[in-house]
Amino acid sequence: MKAIEDIARSGIAAAQTRLRVAAGNVANAATDGFQRQAVQNTTVEGGGVVSRVVPEAVQPAIPLVQDLLAAKTARYEFQANLKMIKTSFGLIGSLFDDKA
């Protein structure tokens, strides 16, 4: 089983990928021939996630709204995973304080 910090770091990386893809979709939406992208997440045995960018098969009816929602969701995912790392480090620090 992976450490909580490693699992949270993989979540942060996944959130960054989702945000990057959403931003790219918004920035290039008016470009001729642009193929929207999506993020495909796969869980890792023992904990965590791996993300990969794939072409989006189905064009959504309202792509801008979908991309803005994805960016907002990625922000919350990033913050939640960062909070997990900070909490984990705080617990380790208090453990060392108790032992000292």
C-alpha atoms as a PDB file:
ATOM      1  CA  MET A   1       0.000   0.000   0.000  1.00  0.00           C
ATOM      2  CA  LYS A   2       1.267   3.435  -0.886  1.00  0.00           C
ATOM      3  CA  ALA A   3       1.757   6.249   1.579  1.00  0.00           C
ATOM      4  CA  ILE A   4      -1.012   8.829   1.836  1.00  0.00           C
ATOM      5  CA  GLU A   5       1.351  11.480   0.471  1.00  0.00           C
ATOM      6  CA  ASP A   6       1.989   9.437  -2.693  1.00  0.00           C
ATOM      7  CA  ILE A   7      -1.719   8.903  -3.271  1.00  0.00           C
ATOM      8  CA  ALA A   8      -2.429  12.612  -2.746  1.00  0.00           C
ATOM      9  CA  ARG A   9       0.431  13.571  -5.089  1.00  0.00           C
ATOM     10  CA  SER A  10      -1.067  11.398  -7.820  1.00  0.00           C
ATOM     11  CA  GLY A  11      -4.397  13.156  -7.231  1.00  0.00           C
ATOM     12  CA  ILE A  12      -2.685  16.531  -7.562  1.00  0.00           C
ATOM     13  CA  ALA A  13      -1.072  15.445 -10.824  1.00  0.00           C
ATOM     14  CA  ALA A  14      -4.471  14.255 -12.116  1.00  0.00           C
ATOM     15  CA  ALA A  15      -6.069  17.573 -11.158  1.00  0.00           C
ATOM     16  CA  GLN A  16      -3.292  19.482 -12.933  1.00  0.00           C
ATOM     17  CA  THR A  17      -3.835  17.393 -16.059  1.00  0.00           C
ATOM     18  CA  ARG A  18      -7.596  18.045 -15.986  1.00  0.00           C
ATOM     19  CA  LEU A  19      -7.006  21.777 -15.566  1.00  0.00           C
ATOM     20  CA  ARG A  20      -4.449  21.868 -18.397  1.00  0.00           C
ATOM     21  CA  VAL A  21      -6.776  20.002 -20.767  1.00  0.00           C
ATOM     22  CA  ALA A  22      -9.772  22.182 -19.869  1.00  0.00           C
ATOM     23  CA  ALA A  23      -7.709  25.334 -20.445  1.00  0.00           C
ATOM     24  CA  GLY A  24      -6.468  24.003 -23.782  1.00  0.00           C
ATOM     25  CA  ASN A  25     -10.003  23.186 -24.877  1.00  0.00           C
ATOM     26  CA  VAL A  26     -11.206  26.687 -24.000  1.00  0.00           C
ATOM     27  CA  ALA A  27      -8.220  28.404 -25.628  1.00  0.00           C
ATOM     28  CA  ASN A  28      -8.510  26.438 -28.861  1.00  0.00           C
ATOM     29  CA  ALA A  29     -12.292  26.127 -29.150  1.00  0.00           C
ATOM     30  CA  ALA A  30     -12.474  28.559 -32.087  1.00  0.00           C
ATOM     31  CA  THR A  31      -9.524  27.015 -33.945  1.00  0.00           C
ATOM     32  CA  ASP A  32     -10.460  25.297 -37.219  1.00  0.00           C
ATOM     33  CA  GLY A  33      -9.973  21.546 -37.032  1.00  0.00           C
ATOM     34  CA  PHE A  34      -9.395  21.511 -33.292  1.00  0.00           C
ATOM     35  CA  GLN A  35     -10.143  18.165 -31.662  1.00  0.00           C
ATOM     36  CA  ARG A  36     -11.247  18.511 -28.051  1.00  0.00           C
ATOM     37  CA  GLN A  37      -9.366  16.455 -25.506  1.00  0.00           C
ATOM     38  CA  ALA A  38     -10.509  14.623 -22.398  1.00  0.00           C
ATOM     39  CA  VAL A  39      -8.719  13.127 -19.413  1.00  0.00           C
ATOM     40  CA  GLN A  40      -8.949   9.438 -18.681  1.00  0.00           C
ATOM     41  CA  ASN A  41      -8.115   8.449 -15.100  1.00  0.00           C
ATOM     42  CA  THR A  42      -7.081   4.941 -14.119  1.00  0.00           C
ATOM     43  CA  THR A  43      -6.707   3.786 -10.540  1.00  0.00           C
ATOM     44  CA  VAL A  44      -3.411   2.272  -9.503  1.00  0.00           C
ATOM     45  CA  GLU A  45      -3.224  -0.899  -7.460  1.00  0.00           C
ATOM     46  CA  GLY A  46      -2.380   0.025  -3.883  1.00  0.00           C
ATOM     47  CA  GLY A  47      -3.777   3.548  -4.226  1.00  0.00           C
ATOM     48  CA  GLY A  48      -3.542   6.569  -6.432  1.00  0.00           C
ATOM     49  CA  VAL A  49      -4.463   7.442  -9.974  1.00  0.00           C
ATOM     50  CA  VAL A  50      -2.770   7.855 -13.346  1.00  0.00           C
ATOM     51  CA  SER A  51      -4.151  10.280 -15.928  1.00  0.00           C
ATOM     52  CA  ARG A  52      -3.763  10.341 -19.660  1.00  0.00           C
ATOM     53  CA  VAL A  53      -5.010  12.759 -22.251  1.00  0.00           C
ATOM     54  CA  VAL A  54      -7.174  11.280 -25.002  1.00  0.00           C
ATOM     55  CA  PRO A  55      -9.129  12.772 -27.912  1.00  0.00           C
ATOM     56  CA  GLU A  56     -12.751  13.302 -26.933  1.00  0.00           C
ATOM     57  CA  ALA A  57     -14.926  10.928 -28.915  1.00  0.00           C
ATOM     58  CA  VAL A  58     -18.225  12.775 -28.534  1.00  0.00           C
ATOM     59  CA  GLN A  59     -18.397  16.534 -28.870  1.00  0.00           C
ATOM     60  CA  PRO A  60     -20.577  17.882 -26.030  1.00  0.00           C
ATOM     61  CA  ALA A  61     -23.447  20.205 -26.838  1.00  0.00           C
ATOM     62  CA  ILE A  62     -22.085  22.931 -24.552  1.00  0.00           C
ATOM     63  CA  PRO A  63     -18.297  22.426 -24.500  1.00  0.00           C
ATOM     64  CA  LEU A  64     -17.356  25.732 -22.837  1.00  0.00           C
ATOM     65  CA  VAL A  65     -19.579  25.047 -19.838  1.00  0.00           C
ATOM     66  CA  GLN A  66     -18.164  21.538 -19.546  1.00  0.00           C
ATOM     67  CA  ASP A  67     -14.587  22.853 -19.671  1.00  0.00           C
ATOM     68  CA  LEU A  68     -15.226  25.566 -17.083  1.00  0.00           C
ATOM     69  CA  LEU A  69     -16.844  23.018 -14.785  1.00  0.00           C
ATOM     70  CA  ALA A  70     -13.884  20.650 -15.276  1.00  0.00           C
ATOM     71  CA  ALA A  71     -11.461  23.449 -14.386  1.00  0.00           C
ATOM     72  CA  LYS A  72     -13.421  24.304 -11.231  1.00  0.00           C
ATOM     73  CA  THR A  73     -13.594  20.627 -10.236  1.00  0.00           C
ATOM     74  CA  ALA A  74      -9.851  20.207 -10.828  1.00  0.00           C
ATOM     75  CA  ARG A  75      -9.203  23.161  -8.536  1.00  0.00           C
ATOM     76  CA  TYR A  76     -11.192  21.557  -5.717  1.00  0.00           C
ATOM     77  CA  GLU A  77      -9.481  18.203  -6.286  1.00  0.00           C
ATOM     78  CA  PHE A  78      -6.087  19.896  -6.120  1.00  0.00           C
ATOM     79  CA  GLN A  79      -6.987  21.678  -2.875  1.00  0.00           C
ATOM     80  CA  ALA A  80      -8.350  18.502  -1.268  1.00  0.00           C
ATOM     81  CA  ASN A  81      -5.237  16.502  -2.110  1.00  0.00           C
ATOM     82  CA  LEU A  82      -2.963  19.306  -0.921  1.00  0.00           C
ATOM     83  CA  LYS A  83      -4.891  19.379   2.363  1.00  0.00           C
ATOM     84  CA  MET A  84      -4.281  15.623   2.727  1.00  0.00           C
ATOM     85  CA  ILE A  85      -0.533  16.128   2.296  1.00  0.00           C
ATOM     86  CA  LYS A  86      -0.449  19.000   4.785  1.00  0.00           C
ATOM     87  CA  THR A  87      -2.482  17.006   7.313  1.00  0.00           C
ATOM     88  CA  SER A  88      -0.238  13.982   6.891  1.00  0.00           C
ATOM     89  CA  PHE A  89       2.892  16.055   7.454  1.00  0.00           C
ATOM     90  CA  GLY A  90       1.235  17.691  10.462  1.00  0.00           C
ATOM     91  CA  LEU A  91       0.487  14.284  11.971  1.00  0.00           C
ATOM     92  CA  ILE A  92       4.058  13.146  11.420  1.00  0.00           C
ATOM     93  CA  GLY A  93       5.313  16.344  13.064  1.00  0.00           C
ATOM     94  CA  SER A  94       3.099  15.826  16.097  1.00  0.00           C
ATOM     95  CA  LEU A  95       4.252  12.204  16.326  1.00  0.00           C
ATOM     96  CA  PHE A  96       7.872  13.376  16.500  1.00  0.00           C
ATOM     97  CA  ASP A  97       6.913  15.994  19.097  1.00  0.00           C
ATOM     98  CA  ASP A  98       5.324  13.301  21.267  1.00  0.00           C
ATOM     99  CA  LYS A  99       8.403  11.063  20.987  1.00  0.00           C
ATOM    100  CA  ALA A 100      10.873  13.875  21.807  1.00  0.00           C
END
